[in-house]
Amino acid sequence: MIAPLRDFVGAFGRLLDSAPDEPRILREGGALLRTLVARDDWLPDAFAQPDPARYQQFLLHADSTERFSVASFVWGPGQATPIHDHTVWGLIGMLRGAEYSQGHVLDANGRAQPQGDAVRLDAGDVEAVSPTVGDLHRVHNAHADRVSISIHVYGANIGAVRRHTYPAEGGRKPFVSGYSNTLLPNLWDRSEELRATSA
């Protein structure tokens, strides 16, 4: 029953057709995403499968002009991201289970430090990220014994966007995330190679 996703993609595309500013995208787009994740009967099983080694990022929709993309993030028990940025606006809606998002800021030495308390997202909750409202965070599954799934919407084809992780020793490392269900590889572990080739 994928009709809710189809309806969401159509409504989000129409929102972007009106050339909204970012606050409106986050406000009205967030409301659309909240409606989508209010029910948990539409995500096909193929896009909800965990991997024991790392979280999964499944592409659900990529706009033909790359104005936005939609992906399901599937978190195995206890799985987490590195500290990372997005470089574009994004909306995260919790579909199943729960996750924590810990915001970070860079200190005077360029090291990422936690900012405030971690935000817990439970099913139905929506959070925004962007370079203007806060773009640096680390996310982890709130549950150590079960899978959690969130639906992410970004203002680009996020699997092809050059972004950064922020290691504990400082600095930043480029990466391109790719998707778990496409030929574009996941490059979390190639950040050193990317940094070398970008010099």
N, C-alpha and C. Protein backbone atom coordinates (compact mmCIF):
# COMPACT_ATOMS: atom_id res chain seq x y z
N MET A 1 0.85 -1.19 0.00
CA MET A 1 0.00 0.00 0.00
C MET A 1 0.88 1.24 0.00
N ILE A 2 1.42 1.59 -1.18
CA ILE A 2 2.38 2.68 -1.26
C ILE A 2 1.72 4.01 -1.63
N ALA A 3 0.39 4.04 -1.71
CA ALA A 3 -0.34 5.27 -2.07
C ALA A 3 0.02 6.45 -1.18
N PRO A 4 0.18 6.29 0.15
CA PRO A 4 0.55 7.45 0.97
C PRO A 4 1.87 8.09 0.53
N LEU A 5 2.85 7.28 0.14
CA LEU A 5 4.11 7.83 -0.34
C LEU A 5 3.90 8.57 -1.65
N ARG A 6 3.13 8.00 -2.56
CA ARG A 6 2.84 8.67 -3.83
C ARG A 6 2.15 10.01 -3.60
N ASP A 7 1.19 10.03 -2.71
CA ASP A 7 0.50 11.28 -2.40
C ASP A 7 1.47 12.31 -1.79
N PHE A 8 2.35 11.84 -0.92
CA PHE A 8 3.33 12.73 -0.30
C PHE A 8 4.26 13.34 -1.34
N VAL A 9 4.79 12.51 -2.23
CA VAL A 9 5.72 12.99 -3.26
C VAL A 9 5.03 14.03 -4.15
N GLY A 10 3.78 13.77 -4.54
CA GLY A 10 3.05 14.73 -5.36
C GLY A 10 2.84 16.04 -4.64
N ALA A 11 2.44 15.97 -3.37
CA ALA A 11 2.19 17.19 -2.60
C ALA A 11 3.48 17.97 -2.36
N PHE A 12 4.57 17.26 -2.11
CA PHE A 12 5.83 17.95 -1.87
C PHE A 12 6.33 18.61 -3.16
N GLY A 13 6.16 17.93 -4.28
CA GLY A 13 6.54 18.54 -5.55
C GLY A 13 5.74 19.80 -5.83
N ARG A 14 4.44 19.77 -5.52
CA ARG A 14 3.62 20.96 -5.73
C ARG A 14 4.04 22.10 -4.81
N LEU A 15 4.43 21.77 -3.60
CA LEU A 15 4.95 22.79 -2.69
C LEU A 15 6.19 23.46 -3.28
N LEU A 16 7.11 22.67 -3.80
CA LEU A 16 8.33 23.24 -4.36
C LEU A 16 8.05 24.00 -5.66
N ASP A 17 7.01 23.61 -6.39
CA ASP A 17 6.64 24.34 -7.60
C ASP A 17 6.31 25.80 -7.30
N SER A 18 5.89 26.09 -6.09
CA SER A 18 5.51 27.46 -5.73
C SER A 18 6.71 28.31 -5.31
N ALA A 19 7.92 27.77 -5.46
CA ALA A 19 9.16 28.49 -5.14
C ALA A 19 9.16 29.05 -3.71
N PRO A 20 8.89 28.22 -2.72
CA PRO A 20 8.85 28.70 -1.34
C PRO A 20 10.25 28.97 -0.80
N ASP A 21 10.33 29.84 0.23
CA ASP A 21 11.61 30.01 0.91
C ASP A 21 11.81 28.84 1.87
N GLU A 22 13.00 28.74 2.43
CA GLU A 22 13.30 27.58 3.27
C GLU A 22 12.39 27.48 4.50
N PRO A 23 12.11 28.57 5.22
CA PRO A 23 11.20 28.42 6.37
C PRO A 23 9.86 27.81 5.99
N ARG A 24 9.33 28.18 4.82
CA ARG A 24 8.05 27.61 4.40
C ARG A 24 8.20 26.14 4.04
N ILE A 25 9.30 25.79 3.38
CA ILE A 25 9.54 24.37 3.06
C ILE A 25 9.57 23.55 4.34
N LEU A 26 10.31 24.04 5.34
CA LEU A 26 10.42 23.28 6.58
C LEU A 26 9.10 23.22 7.33
N ARG A 27 8.34 24.30 7.28
CA ARG A 27 7.05 24.33 7.99
C ARG A 27 6.00 23.48 7.27
N GLU A 28 5.75 23.79 5.99
CA GLU A 28 4.69 23.08 5.27
C GLU A 28 5.13 21.68 4.85
N GLY A 29 6.40 21.55 4.47
CA GLY A 29 6.91 20.22 4.15
C GLY A 29 6.94 19.33 5.37
N GLY A 30 7.26 19.93 6.53
CA GLY A 30 7.23 19.16 7.77
C GLY A 30 5.84 18.66 8.09
N ALA A 31 4.83 19.48 7.82
CA ALA A 31 3.45 19.04 8.04
C ALA A 31 3.08 17.89 7.12
N LEU A 32 3.53 17.95 5.87
CA LEU A 32 3.27 16.84 4.94
C LEU A 32 3.94 15.56 5.42
N LEU A 33 5.19 15.68 5.87
CA LEU A 33 5.91 14.50 6.35
C LEU A 33 5.26 13.96 7.61
N ARG A 34 4.77 14.84 8.48
CA ARG A 34 4.10 14.39 9.70
C ARG A 34 2.87 13.55 9.36
N THR A 35 2.16 13.95 8.31
CA THR A 35 1.00 13.17 7.87
C THR A 35 1.44 11.80 7.35
N LEU A 36 2.56 11.77 6.59
CA LEU A 36 3.04 10.51 6.03
C LEU A 36 3.43 9.53 7.12
N VAL A 37 4.16 10.00 8.14
CA VAL A 37 4.65 9.07 9.16
C VAL A 37 3.63 8.83 10.28
N ALA A 38 2.46 9.45 10.17
CA ALA A 38 1.41 9.22 11.16
C ALA A 38 0.83 7.81 11.03
N ARG A 39 1.05 7.17 9.89
CA ARG A 39 0.58 5.80 9.69
C ARG A 39 1.76 4.93 9.25
N ASP A 40 1.77 3.70 9.71
CA ASP A 40 2.89 2.80 9.43
C ASP A 40 2.38 1.54 8.75
N ASP A 41 1.80 1.74 7.55
CA ASP A 41 1.28 0.60 6.81
C ASP A 41 1.61 0.68 5.33
N TRP A 42 2.57 1.55 4.95
CA TRP A 42 2.80 1.79 3.53
C TRP A 42 4.22 1.46 3.05
N LEU A 43 5.19 1.38 3.95
CA LEU A 43 6.58 1.16 3.52
C LEU A 43 6.79 -0.30 3.15
N PRO A 44 7.15 -0.60 1.90
CA PRO A 44 7.38 -1.99 1.51
C PRO A 44 8.51 -2.62 2.32
N ASP A 45 8.40 -3.90 2.58
CA ASP A 45 9.40 -4.61 3.38
C ASP A 45 10.81 -4.48 2.81
N ALA A 46 10.91 -4.39 1.48
CA ALA A 46 12.23 -4.31 0.86
C ALA A 46 13.00 -3.06 1.29
N PHE A 47 12.28 -2.03 1.75
CA PHE A 47 12.90 -0.78 2.15
C PHE A 47 12.91 -0.61 3.67
N ALA A 48 12.73 -1.73 4.37
CA ALA A 48 12.67 -1.70 5.83
C ALA A 48 13.58 -2.76 6.45
N GLN A 49 14.56 -3.24 5.67
CA GLN A 49 15.40 -4.33 6.13
C GLN A 49 16.69 -3.81 6.78
N PRO A 50 16.97 -4.22 8.02
CA PRO A 50 18.22 -3.81 8.66
C PRO A 50 19.40 -4.62 8.15
N ASP A 51 20.58 -4.12 8.43
CA ASP A 51 21.83 -4.82 8.14
C ASP A 51 22.58 -4.92 9.45
N PRO A 52 23.16 -6.07 9.77
CA PRO A 52 23.82 -6.19 11.08
C PRO A 52 25.05 -5.32 11.23
N ALA A 53 25.64 -4.88 10.11
CA ALA A 53 26.90 -4.14 10.19
C ALA A 53 26.71 -2.64 10.31
N ARG A 54 25.65 -2.09 9.68
CA ARG A 54 25.48 -0.64 9.67
C ARG A 54 24.05 -0.30 9.29
N TYR A 55 23.69 0.95 9.55
CA TYR A 55 22.33 1.35 9.19
C TYR A 55 22.19 1.37 7.67
N GLN A 56 20.95 1.25 7.19
CA GLN A 56 20.65 1.24 5.77
C GLN A 56 19.97 2.54 5.36
N GLN A 57 20.27 3.00 4.16
CA GLN A 57 19.68 4.22 3.60
C GLN A 57 19.10 3.86 2.23
N PHE A 58 17.77 3.64 2.18
CA PHE A 58 17.11 3.19 0.96
C PHE A 58 16.45 4.37 0.24
N LEU A 59 16.76 4.53 -1.03
CA LEU A 59 16.13 5.57 -1.83
C LEU A 59 14.68 5.17 -2.13
N LEU A 60 13.74 6.06 -1.78
CA LEU A 60 12.33 5.85 -2.09
C LEU A 60 11.88 6.69 -3.27
N HIS A 61 12.45 7.89 -3.42
CA HIS A 61 12.09 8.76 -4.53
C HIS A 61 13.19 9.80 -4.73
N ALA A 62 13.55 10.04 -5.99
CA ALA A 62 14.46 11.12 -6.34
C ALA A 62 13.79 11.95 -7.42
N ASP A 63 13.54 13.21 -7.13
CA ASP A 63 12.94 14.12 -8.09
C ASP A 63 13.82 14.19 -9.34
N SER A 64 13.19 14.24 -10.52
CA SER A 64 13.96 14.18 -11.77
C SER A 64 14.90 15.36 -11.94
N THR A 65 14.61 16.49 -11.30
CA THR A 65 15.51 17.64 -11.37
C THR A 65 16.30 17.80 -10.08
N GLU A 66 16.27 16.79 -9.23
CA GLU A 66 17.02 16.74 -7.97
C GLU A 66 16.66 17.87 -7.02
N ARG A 67 15.40 18.32 -7.07
CA ARG A 67 14.95 19.32 -6.10
C ARG A 67 14.81 18.71 -4.71
N PHE A 68 14.45 17.42 -4.66
CA PHE A 68 14.33 16.74 -3.38
C PHE A 68 14.44 15.24 -3.56
N SER A 69 14.71 14.57 -2.48
CA SER A 69 14.75 13.11 -2.47
C SER A 69 14.14 12.62 -1.16
N VAL A 70 13.67 11.38 -1.19
CA VAL A 70 13.04 10.76 -0.02
C VAL A 70 13.71 9.41 0.20
N ALA A 71 14.09 9.14 1.44
CA ALA A 71 14.77 7.89 1.75
C ALA A 71 14.28 7.35 3.08
N SER A 72 14.30 6.01 3.20
CA SER A 72 14.04 5.39 4.50
C SER A 72 15.39 5.04 5.12
N PHE A 73 15.55 5.40 6.39
CA PHE A 73 16.74 5.04 7.14
C PHE A 73 16.36 3.94 8.11
N VAL A 74 17.02 2.80 8.00
CA VAL A 74 16.69 1.64 8.81
C VAL A 74 17.83 1.38 9.78
N TRP A 75 17.51 1.51 11.07
CA TRP A 75 18.51 1.41 12.12
C TRP A 75 18.40 0.08 12.83
N GLY A 76 19.45 -0.74 12.74
CA GLY A 76 19.51 -1.93 13.56
C GLY A 76 19.70 -1.55 15.02
N PRO A 77 19.53 -2.50 15.94
CA PRO A 77 19.69 -2.20 17.36
C PRO A 77 21.02 -1.52 17.65
N GLY A 78 20.96 -0.34 18.29
CA GLY A 78 22.16 0.37 18.71
C GLY A 78 22.97 1.05 17.62
N GLN A 79 22.54 0.99 16.37
CA GLN A 79 23.35 1.57 15.29
C GLN A 79 23.30 3.09 15.31
N ALA A 80 24.39 3.70 14.80
CA ALA A 80 24.53 5.16 14.86
C ALA A 80 25.34 5.66 13.67
N THR A 81 25.20 6.95 13.40
CA THR A 81 26.02 7.62 12.38
C THR A 81 27.25 8.24 13.04
N PRO A 82 28.26 8.58 12.25
CA PRO A 82 29.28 9.51 12.74
C PRO A 82 28.64 10.90 12.87
N ILE A 83 29.34 11.84 13.48
CA ILE A 83 28.92 13.23 13.42
C ILE A 83 29.07 13.67 11.96
N HIS A 84 28.02 14.31 11.42
CA HIS A 84 28.04 14.64 10.00
C HIS A 84 27.17 15.85 9.71
N ASP A 85 27.35 16.41 8.52
CA ASP A 85 26.49 17.50 8.06
C ASP A 85 25.69 17.05 6.85
N HIS A 86 24.87 17.97 6.31
CA HIS A 86 24.00 17.66 5.18
C HIS A 86 24.21 18.63 4.02
N THR A 87 24.50 19.87 4.32
CA THR A 87 24.76 20.98 3.38
C THR A 87 23.49 21.47 2.67
N VAL A 88 22.36 20.82 2.87
CA VAL A 88 21.07 21.22 2.29
C VAL A 88 20.01 21.07 3.38
N TRP A 89 18.82 21.64 3.15
CA TRP A 89 17.74 21.45 4.13
C TRP A 89 17.29 19.99 4.15
N GLY A 90 16.80 19.58 5.29
CA GLY A 90 16.31 18.23 5.41
C GLY A 90 15.21 18.13 6.46
N LEU A 91 14.36 17.12 6.30
CA LEU A 91 13.29 16.83 7.26
C LEU A 91 13.37 15.35 7.62
N ILE A 92 13.28 15.04 8.90
CA ILE A 92 13.35 13.67 9.38
C ILE A 92 12.04 13.36 10.09
N GLY A 93 11.34 12.34 9.64
CA GLY A 93 10.09 11.92 10.26
C GLY A 93 10.22 10.50 10.78
N MET A 94 9.87 10.28 12.03
CA MET A 94 10.02 8.96 12.64
C MET A 94 8.81 8.10 12.30
N LEU A 95 9.06 6.99 11.64
CA LEU A 95 7.99 6.09 11.23
C LEU A 95 7.77 4.96 12.23
N ARG A 96 8.87 4.41 12.73
CA ARG A 96 8.78 3.20 13.56
C ARG A 96 9.90 3.21 14.59
N GLY A 97 9.61 2.90 15.82
CA GLY A 97 10.65 2.92 16.84
C GLY A 97 10.98 4.34 17.28
N ALA A 98 12.27 4.61 17.54
CA ALA A 98 12.69 5.93 18.00
C ALA A 98 14.17 6.11 17.72
N GLU A 99 14.60 7.36 17.63
CA GLU A 99 16.02 7.66 17.47
C GLU A 99 16.35 8.93 18.24
N TYR A 100 17.63 9.10 18.52
CA TYR A 100 18.14 10.32 19.14
C TYR A 100 18.99 11.08 18.13
N SER A 101 18.80 12.40 18.10
CA SER A 101 19.61 13.28 17.28
C SER A 101 20.34 14.24 18.21
N GLN A 102 21.66 14.14 18.24
CA GLN A 102 22.46 15.02 19.09
C GLN A 102 23.11 16.09 18.23
N GLY A 103 22.66 17.34 18.40
CA GLY A 103 23.25 18.44 17.67
C GLY A 103 24.66 18.73 18.13
N HIS A 104 25.48 19.25 17.22
CA HIS A 104 26.87 19.62 17.52
C HIS A 104 27.18 20.98 16.93
N VAL A 105 28.19 21.62 17.49
CA VAL A 105 28.77 22.85 16.94
C VAL A 105 30.28 22.69 16.95
N LEU A 106 30.96 23.47 16.11
CA LEU A 106 32.42 23.42 16.07
C LEU A 106 33.00 24.41 17.07
N ASP A 107 33.98 23.95 17.85
CA ASP A 107 34.64 24.86 18.79
C ASP A 107 35.75 25.62 18.07
N ALA A 108 36.50 26.41 18.81
CA ALA A 108 37.53 27.27 18.22
C ALA A 108 38.63 26.47 17.54
N ASN A 109 38.79 25.21 17.92
CA ASN A 109 39.81 24.34 17.32
C ASN A 109 39.25 23.48 16.19
N GLY A 110 38.01 23.72 15.81
CA GLY A 110 37.42 22.95 14.72
C GLY A 110 36.95 21.57 15.11
N ARG A 111 36.78 21.31 16.40
CA ARG A 111 36.28 20.02 16.86
C ARG A 111 34.79 20.11 17.13
N ALA A 112 34.07 19.10 16.74
CA ALA A 112 32.62 19.07 16.94
C ALA A 112 32.31 18.76 18.40
N GLN A 113 31.51 19.62 19.02
CA GLN A 113 31.13 19.45 20.42
C GLN A 113 29.61 19.37 20.52
N PRO A 114 29.09 18.53 21.42
CA PRO A 114 27.63 18.45 21.59
C PRO A 114 27.05 19.81 21.96
N GLN A 115 25.87 20.09 21.42
CA GLN A 115 25.16 21.33 21.73
C GLN A 115 23.79 20.98 22.29
N GLY A 116 23.55 21.28 23.54
CA GLY A 116 22.26 20.99 24.15
C GLY A 116 22.05 19.51 24.36
N ASP A 117 20.82 19.18 24.70
CA ASP A 117 20.45 17.78 24.92
C ASP A 117 20.09 17.11 23.60
N ALA A 118 20.29 15.82 23.54
CA ALA A 118 19.86 15.06 22.37
C ALA A 118 18.34 15.12 22.26
N VAL A 119 17.86 15.21 21.03
CA VAL A 119 16.42 15.25 20.76
C VAL A 119 15.95 13.83 20.44
N ARG A 120 14.96 13.35 21.17
CA ARG A 120 14.40 12.03 20.90
C ARG A 120 13.22 12.17 19.95
N LEU A 121 13.25 11.40 18.89
CA LEU A 121 12.14 11.35 17.94
C LEU A 121 11.43 10.02 18.12
N ASP A 122 10.16 10.08 18.45
CA ASP A 122 9.32 8.89 18.51
C ASP A 122 8.41 8.87 17.29
N ALA A 123 7.74 7.75 17.08
CA ALA A 123 6.89 7.60 15.89
C ALA A 123 5.94 8.79 15.76
N GLY A 124 5.94 9.41 14.56
CA GLY A 124 5.11 10.56 14.29
C GLY A 124 5.81 11.89 14.44
N ASP A 125 6.97 11.92 15.10
CA ASP A 125 7.71 13.17 15.29
C ASP A 125 8.48 13.56 14.04
N VAL A 126 8.69 14.87 13.86
CA VAL A 126 9.44 15.40 12.71
C VAL A 126 10.44 16.43 13.20
N GLU A 127 11.64 16.39 12.64
CA GLU A 127 12.69 17.35 12.97
C GLU A 127 13.29 17.89 11.68
N ALA A 128 13.79 19.13 11.71
CA ALA A 128 14.42 19.76 10.55
C ALA A 128 15.91 19.95 10.78
N VAL A 129 16.68 19.89 9.67
CA VAL A 129 18.09 20.24 9.67
C VAL A 129 18.36 21.11 8.45
N SER A 130 19.35 21.96 8.56
CA SER A 130 19.84 22.73 7.41
C SER A 130 20.98 23.60 7.89
N PRO A 131 21.78 24.14 6.98
CA PRO A 131 22.84 25.05 7.40
C PRO A 131 22.32 26.29 8.14
N THR A 132 21.04 26.63 7.99
CA THR A 132 20.50 27.81 8.67
C THR A 132 19.88 27.51 10.03
N VAL A 133 19.39 26.28 10.24
CA VAL A 133 18.74 25.97 11.52
C VAL A 133 19.55 24.99 12.37
N GLY A 134 20.67 24.52 11.86
CA GLY A 134 21.50 23.54 12.55
C GLY A 134 21.71 22.33 11.67
N ASP A 135 22.96 22.10 11.29
CA ASP A 135 23.22 21.10 10.25
C ASP A 135 24.16 19.99 10.69
N LEU A 136 24.66 20.07 11.89
CA LEU A 136 25.68 19.13 12.35
C LEU A 136 25.09 18.27 13.47
N HIS A 137 25.05 16.95 13.25
CA HIS A 137 24.52 16.10 14.32
C HIS A 137 25.01 14.67 14.18
N ARG A 138 24.72 13.91 15.23
CA ARG A 138 24.96 12.47 15.24
C ARG A 138 23.64 11.82 15.63
N VAL A 139 23.28 10.75 14.94
CA VAL A 139 21.99 10.10 15.16
C VAL A 139 22.22 8.65 15.56
N HIS A 140 21.41 8.16 16.49
CA HIS A 140 21.49 6.73 16.82
C HIS A 140 20.12 6.19 17.18
N ASN A 141 19.96 4.90 16.96
CA ASN A 141 18.74 4.19 17.32
C ASN A 141 18.56 4.28 18.83
N ALA A 142 17.39 4.68 19.26
CA ALA A 142 17.11 4.79 20.70
C ALA A 142 16.97 3.43 21.36
N HIS A 143 16.83 2.38 20.55
CA HIS A 143 16.58 1.04 21.09
C HIS A 143 17.78 0.13 20.87
N ALA A 144 18.15 -0.60 21.90
CA ALA A 144 19.26 -1.55 21.81
C ALA A 144 18.78 -2.94 21.45
N ASP A 145 17.46 -3.11 21.29
CA ASP A 145 16.93 -4.46 21.08
C ASP A 145 15.98 -4.57 19.90
N ARG A 146 15.82 -3.49 19.12
CA ARG A 146 14.92 -3.60 17.98
C ARG A 146 15.22 -2.53 16.93
N VAL A 147 14.64 -2.74 15.75
CA VAL A 147 14.85 -1.86 14.60
C VAL A 147 14.02 -0.59 14.74
N SER A 148 14.57 0.53 14.29
CA SER A 148 13.83 1.78 14.16
C SER A 148 13.96 2.26 12.72
N ILE A 149 12.93 2.96 12.23
CA ILE A 149 12.93 3.44 10.84
C ILE A 149 12.46 4.88 10.81
N SER A 150 13.24 5.73 10.12
CA SER A 150 12.84 7.12 9.91
C SER A 150 12.81 7.41 8.41
N ILE A 151 11.96 8.37 8.04
CA ILE A 151 11.81 8.78 6.65
C ILE A 151 12.43 10.17 6.52
N HIS A 152 13.37 10.32 5.58
CA HIS A 152 14.12 11.56 5.42
C HIS A 152 13.80 12.19 4.06
N VAL A 153 13.64 13.50 4.07
CA VAL A 153 13.42 14.28 2.85
C VAL A 153 14.49 15.36 2.81
N TYR A 154 15.19 15.46 1.69
CA TYR A 154 16.28 16.44 1.57
C TYR A 154 16.11 17.29 0.32
N GLY A 155 16.68 18.49 0.36
CA GLY A 155 16.59 19.42 -0.75
C GLY A 155 17.61 19.18 -1.83
N ALA A 156 17.86 17.93 -2.16
CA ALA A 156 18.80 17.50 -3.20
C ALA A 156 18.71 15.99 -3.29
N ASN A 157 19.41 15.40 -4.25
CA ASN A 157 19.57 13.94 -4.29
C ASN A 157 20.65 13.61 -3.27
N ILE A 158 20.24 13.40 -2.01
CA ILE A 158 21.20 13.38 -0.91
C ILE A 158 22.25 12.28 -1.07
N GLY A 159 21.91 11.20 -1.75
CA GLY A 159 22.90 10.13 -1.93
C GLY A 159 24.06 10.51 -2.82
N ALA A 160 23.92 11.62 -3.56
CA ALA A 160 24.99 12.07 -4.46
C ALA A 160 25.64 13.37 -3.99
N VAL A 161 25.22 13.89 -2.84
CA VAL A 161 25.75 15.16 -2.33
C VAL A 161 27.07 14.93 -1.59
N ARG A 162 28.04 15.76 -1.90
CA ARG A 162 29.33 15.69 -1.20
C ARG A 162 29.17 16.39 0.16
N ARG A 163 29.32 15.61 1.23
CA ARG A 163 29.13 16.11 2.58
C ARG A 163 30.37 15.84 3.42
N HIS A 164 30.22 15.89 4.77
CA HIS A 164 31.39 15.74 5.63
C HIS A 164 31.05 15.00 6.92
N THR A 165 32.01 14.22 7.39
CA THR A 165 31.98 13.72 8.75
C THR A 165 33.01 14.51 9.55
N TYR A 166 32.85 14.48 10.88
CA TYR A 166 33.69 15.29 11.78
C TYR A 166 34.30 14.38 12.84
N PRO A 167 35.54 13.93 12.62
CA PRO A 167 36.16 13.00 13.57
C PRO A 167 36.53 13.69 14.88
N ALA A 168 36.74 12.89 15.91
CA ALA A 168 37.01 13.43 17.25
C ALA A 168 38.26 14.28 17.30
N GLU A 169 39.24 13.98 16.45
CA GLU A 169 40.49 14.73 16.49
C GLU A 169 40.40 16.09 15.82
N GLY A 170 39.25 16.41 15.24
CA GLY A 170 39.06 17.70 14.58
C GLY A 170 39.12 17.58 13.07
N GLY A 171 38.79 18.68 12.39
CA GLY A 171 38.77 18.68 10.94
C GLY A 171 37.49 18.03 10.43
N ARG A 172 37.43 17.86 9.13
CA ARG A 172 36.28 17.22 8.51
C ARG A 172 36.74 16.37 7.34
N LYS A 173 35.98 15.33 7.06
CA LYS A 173 36.33 14.40 5.99
C LYS A 173 35.17 14.31 5.01
N PRO A 174 35.43 14.54 3.72
CA PRO A 174 34.34 14.45 2.73
C PRO A 174 33.83 13.03 2.57
N PHE A 175 32.55 12.92 2.28
CA PHE A 175 31.98 11.63 1.92
C PHE A 175 30.74 11.86 1.05
N VAL A 176 30.38 10.82 0.31
CA VAL A 176 29.13 10.77 -0.45
C VAL A 176 28.42 9.51 0.02
N SER A 177 27.20 9.65 0.53
CA SER A 177 26.58 8.52 1.22
C SER A 177 26.12 7.41 0.29
N GLY A 178 25.66 7.76 -0.92
CA GLY A 178 25.05 6.74 -1.76
C GLY A 178 23.76 6.22 -1.13
N TYR A 179 23.27 5.11 -1.67
CA TYR A 179 22.07 4.46 -1.14
C TYR A 179 22.31 2.97 -1.05
N SER A 180 21.64 2.32 -0.13
CA SER A 180 21.81 0.89 0.04
C SER A 180 21.19 0.08 -1.10
N ASN A 181 20.26 0.69 -1.86
CA ASN A 181 19.55 -0.05 -2.90
C ASN A 181 19.82 0.48 -4.31
N THR A 182 20.96 1.16 -4.51
CA THR A 182 21.34 1.60 -5.85
C THR A 182 22.79 1.25 -6.11
N LEU A 183 23.23 1.50 -7.34
CA LEU A 183 24.62 1.20 -7.70
C LEU A 183 25.59 2.23 -7.18
N LEU A 184 25.09 3.40 -6.74
CA LEU A 184 25.97 4.41 -6.18
C LEU A 184 26.47 3.91 -4.84
N PRO A 185 27.79 3.71 -4.66
CA PRO A 185 28.29 3.06 -3.46
C PRO A 185 28.18 3.95 -2.23
N ASN A 186 28.14 3.28 -1.08
CA ASN A 186 28.20 4.01 0.18
C ASN A 186 29.66 4.30 0.48
N LEU A 187 29.98 5.56 0.74
CA LEU A 187 31.38 5.96 0.85
C LEU A 187 31.75 6.49 2.23
N TRP A 188 31.00 6.12 3.28
CA TRP A 188 31.42 6.54 4.62
C TRP A 188 32.88 6.19 4.84
N ASP A 189 33.28 4.98 4.44
CA ASP A 189 34.61 4.49 4.77
C ASP A 189 35.67 4.94 3.79
N ARG A 190 35.30 5.75 2.77
CA ARG A 190 36.29 6.23 1.80
C ARG A 190 36.57 7.71 2.00
N SER A 191 36.25 8.25 3.16
CA SER A 191 36.42 9.68 3.38
C SER A 191 37.88 10.12 3.26
N GLU A 192 38.83 9.27 3.69
CA GLU A 192 40.24 9.62 3.55
C GLU A 192 40.62 9.73 2.08
N GLU A 193 40.15 8.78 1.27
CA GLU A 193 40.43 8.81 -0.16
C GLU A 193 39.84 10.05 -0.81
N LEU A 194 38.60 10.38 -0.44
CA LEU A 194 37.96 11.56 -0.99
C LEU A 194 38.70 12.83 -0.61
N ARG A 195 39.17 12.88 0.64
CA ARG A 195 39.90 14.07 1.08
C ARG A 195 41.18 14.23 0.27
N ALA A 196 41.85 13.12 -0.02
CA ALA A 196 43.08 13.18 -0.79
C ALA A 196 42.83 13.67 -2.21
N THR A 197 41.73 13.20 -2.81
CA THR A 197 41.47 13.57 -4.21
C THR A 197 40.89 14.96 -4.33
N SER A 198 40.41 15.54 -3.21
CA SER A 198 39.82 16.88 -3.29
C SER A 198 40.85 17.97 -3.05
N ALA A 199 42.04 17.61 -2.68
CA ALA A 199 43.08 18.60 -2.37
C ALA A 199 43.57 19.31 -3.63
